[in-house]
Amino acid sequence: MNSLRIIFLKWIAPLAILLSCSESTELQRVDLNGNAFGTRFSITYFDTENRDFTIAIDSLFNGINQSLSTYIPASDISRINNGDTTVVVDYYFEEVFNKSKKIYEETNGIFDPTIGNLVNAWGFGPENYQKALDSAQVDSVLHRVGFDKVRLHKGKIFIKFPHIYFDFNAIAKGYAVDVAGRFLEQNKIEHYLVEIGGEIRSRGQQPERNAAWQVAIENPNFDGTRSIEKIINLENEAMATSGSYRKFKIDSTGRKYSHIISTITGYPVKNNLLSVSVIGQRDCADLDAYATALMAMSLTEAKTFFANNKTLKGHIIFTDDENKLATYSTPNL
């Protein structure tokens, strides 16, 4: 393999590309690939013992699904959403709940996992049915949204108003990336990169290159083709990307809607942002949630958020006043 070439190991959905090159000289490289959480995952790590953690990783992902997936009727989150007050949540649910509460407060409610009723109403939930909503219907659903209406105490969820619906999809993939990464660290893996559906966590370096891991942010190509917009170096960092240009619905009237729903208005967000990538030495779950929240902001609000959170790096792709593609990167990127 030519070490001077950038090799595309695989396209990873939805918004990042893992790049790698050259052969290992010391540690043994292990690649794990599969399906999880409705998308593909890719895990690369270097191990002197050449261990295969496939079964263990699959077990971890299954446990997260049984806790947090709204697509599994018997999962903890589904039972809670259906009014079961006997559920005692596990560690996965508790950690994601507490992270969500923190980011809900940091974003003034823009990130809100109780958005599930709105997600379902607009056709992005398990039922996957899109219908046109009028303002009265949207207002009615908004009354059942609000993380300030729920609390977690001794493993049980308490809800102030009935019919609140949790949906952790905007943070769950990033969280699963963290769980897999922590498992590798517990097994003395010092160099790895975990990716699930474009959410990424790295540790150490890419030993084959003796340099930082490289990933890439994609261009928002509406025709379905995929190409690189910007290459990012990661070393002991995570990255999450959220975008609006691929995931959308068409309702019964023929109108197209983004899957990014505003927790303030109750309507799909209409702005000029096409994708937001957040990079930092934080858990990928946090960055996943931030990226989703930023996609619901205006460009000015997103820039202000990064200016107020200088430990985070960001890259935004948007359309300018002439409807042409433009980009903004934080000064520290």
Foldseek 3Di string as FASTA:
>chain_A
DDQVDWDFPDDFADWKTFTDDFDFDAFDKDWDWDDAPNGIKIKIFTHNVRDDCVVVLVVLRVVLCLAAPCLDCNRLQNCVLVPNFPAQGDPNVVVLLVLQVVVCVVLVNQQFQLCVLLLVQCQNDNVNAHADDDQVRLVVSLVLTDSVQWDADNRTIDGNDPNRHGHLPLQSQLVSQVVVVVVCVVVVTQFMWIDHNAKIFTGADRNSNNFFTKMFTWDLDLVPDTDGDGIDGDYLKIKHKDFFRPDWDQHPVRDIATSQAGSVSSGGADEFWGMKMKMANDRSSSRSSVRSSLVNDYPVVNVVSCVVVVRMWMKTWGADPVRDIDIDTDPVD
